[in-house]
Protein backbone atom coordinates (compact mmCIF):
# COMPACT_ATOMS: atom_id res chain seq x y z
CA ALA A 1 0.07 0.15 0.08
CA ALA A 2 1.29 3.66 -0.66
CA PRO A 3 2.08 5.52 2.37
CA HIS A 4 -0.45 8.23 3.33
CA GLY A 5 -0.92 10.52 6.51
CA ASP A 6 -4.05 11.45 8.45
CA LEU A 7 -4.40 14.80 10.56
CA PHE A 8 -7.08 14.82 13.61
CA ASP A 9 -8.18 17.12 15.80
CA LEU A 10 -7.48 16.31 19.60
CA GLN A 11 -10.64 14.42 20.07
CA GLY A 12 -9.36 12.05 17.12
CA LYS A 13 -11.91 13.48 14.38
CA PRO A 14 -10.18 13.00 11.05
CA LEU A 15 -9.71 16.44 9.28
CA VAL A 16 -7.17 15.65 6.52
CA ARG A 17 -6.14 12.64 4.24
CA LEU A 18 -2.58 13.17 2.78
CA GLU A 19 -1.30 11.39 0.09
CA ALA A 20 2.35 10.87 -0.27
CA THR A 21 4.23 11.75 -3.59
CA SER A 22 7.75 9.89 -4.21
CA THR A 23 10.64 12.14 -4.41
CA ARG A 24 13.29 9.45 -4.87
CA GLN A 25 13.47 5.89 -4.51
CA ALA A 26 11.90 4.84 -1.00
CA GLU A 27 11.71 8.59 -0.13
CA TYR A 28 8.25 10.25 0.11
CA ALA A 29 6.91 13.70 0.61
CA PHE A 30 3.69 15.04 2.26
CA ALA A 31 2.12 18.41 1.37
CA PHE A 32 -0.44 20.18 3.87
CA THR A 33 -1.76 23.31 2.68
CA GLY A 34 -3.45 24.06 6.14
CA ARG A 35 -6.90 23.41 4.98
CA ASP A 36 -9.17 20.17 5.75
CA ASP A 37 -10.42 18.10 3.19
CA ALA A 38 -13.63 20.15 2.62
CA GLY A 39 -11.04 23.23 1.90
CA HIS A 40 -11.54 25.24 5.25
CA LEU A 41 -8.60 26.76 6.84
CA LEU A 42 -7.78 25.07 10.01
CA PRO A 43 -7.58 27.22 12.89
CA PRO A 44 -4.64 27.78 14.95
CA GLY A 45 -3.80 25.17 17.49
CA VAL A 46 -2.51 21.52 18.19
CA TYR A 47 -3.47 18.64 16.25
CA LEU A 48 -2.22 14.81 15.88
CA TYR A 49 -1.17 13.22 12.64
CA SER A 50 -0.55 9.58 11.84
CA ILE A 51 1.52 8.36 8.91
CA ASP A 52 1.24 5.02 7.53
CA LEU A 53 4.24 3.83 5.91
CA GLY A 54 2.43 0.99 4.12
CA ALA A 55 4.87 -1.70 5.26
CA TYR A 56 4.50 -5.12 4.70
CA SER A 57 5.75 -6.11 7.76
CA GLY A 58 6.90 -4.55 11.08
CA GLN A 59 5.82 -1.26 12.63
CA ASP A 60 4.41 1.03 9.96
CA THR A 61 2.86 3.65 11.66
CA ALA A 62 3.76 6.74 13.67
CA LEU A 63 1.66 9.02 15.75
CA HIS A 64 2.91 12.56 16.33
CA SER A 65 1.79 15.84 17.31
CA LEU A 66 1.64 18.82 15.10
CA SER A 67 1.21 22.91 16.14
CA ILE A 68 -0.60 25.32 13.44
CA ALA A 69 0.08 29.24 14.04
CA TYR A 70 -0.48 32.04 11.90
């Protein structure tokens, strides 16, 4: 499966699905515009993001926090 990322609010509500683009062999990038999937600008605050690396075995997800400020 292709790598992808998801952005959530602190209550766990999904806000954004990010698809990875391949930059080089085995390297991927995610682009985030500051907008949710509906196109609305997210307010400043703390969010959670999960990245699924699409690995076939082993640990392939990571969960971290992200702060948005304007």
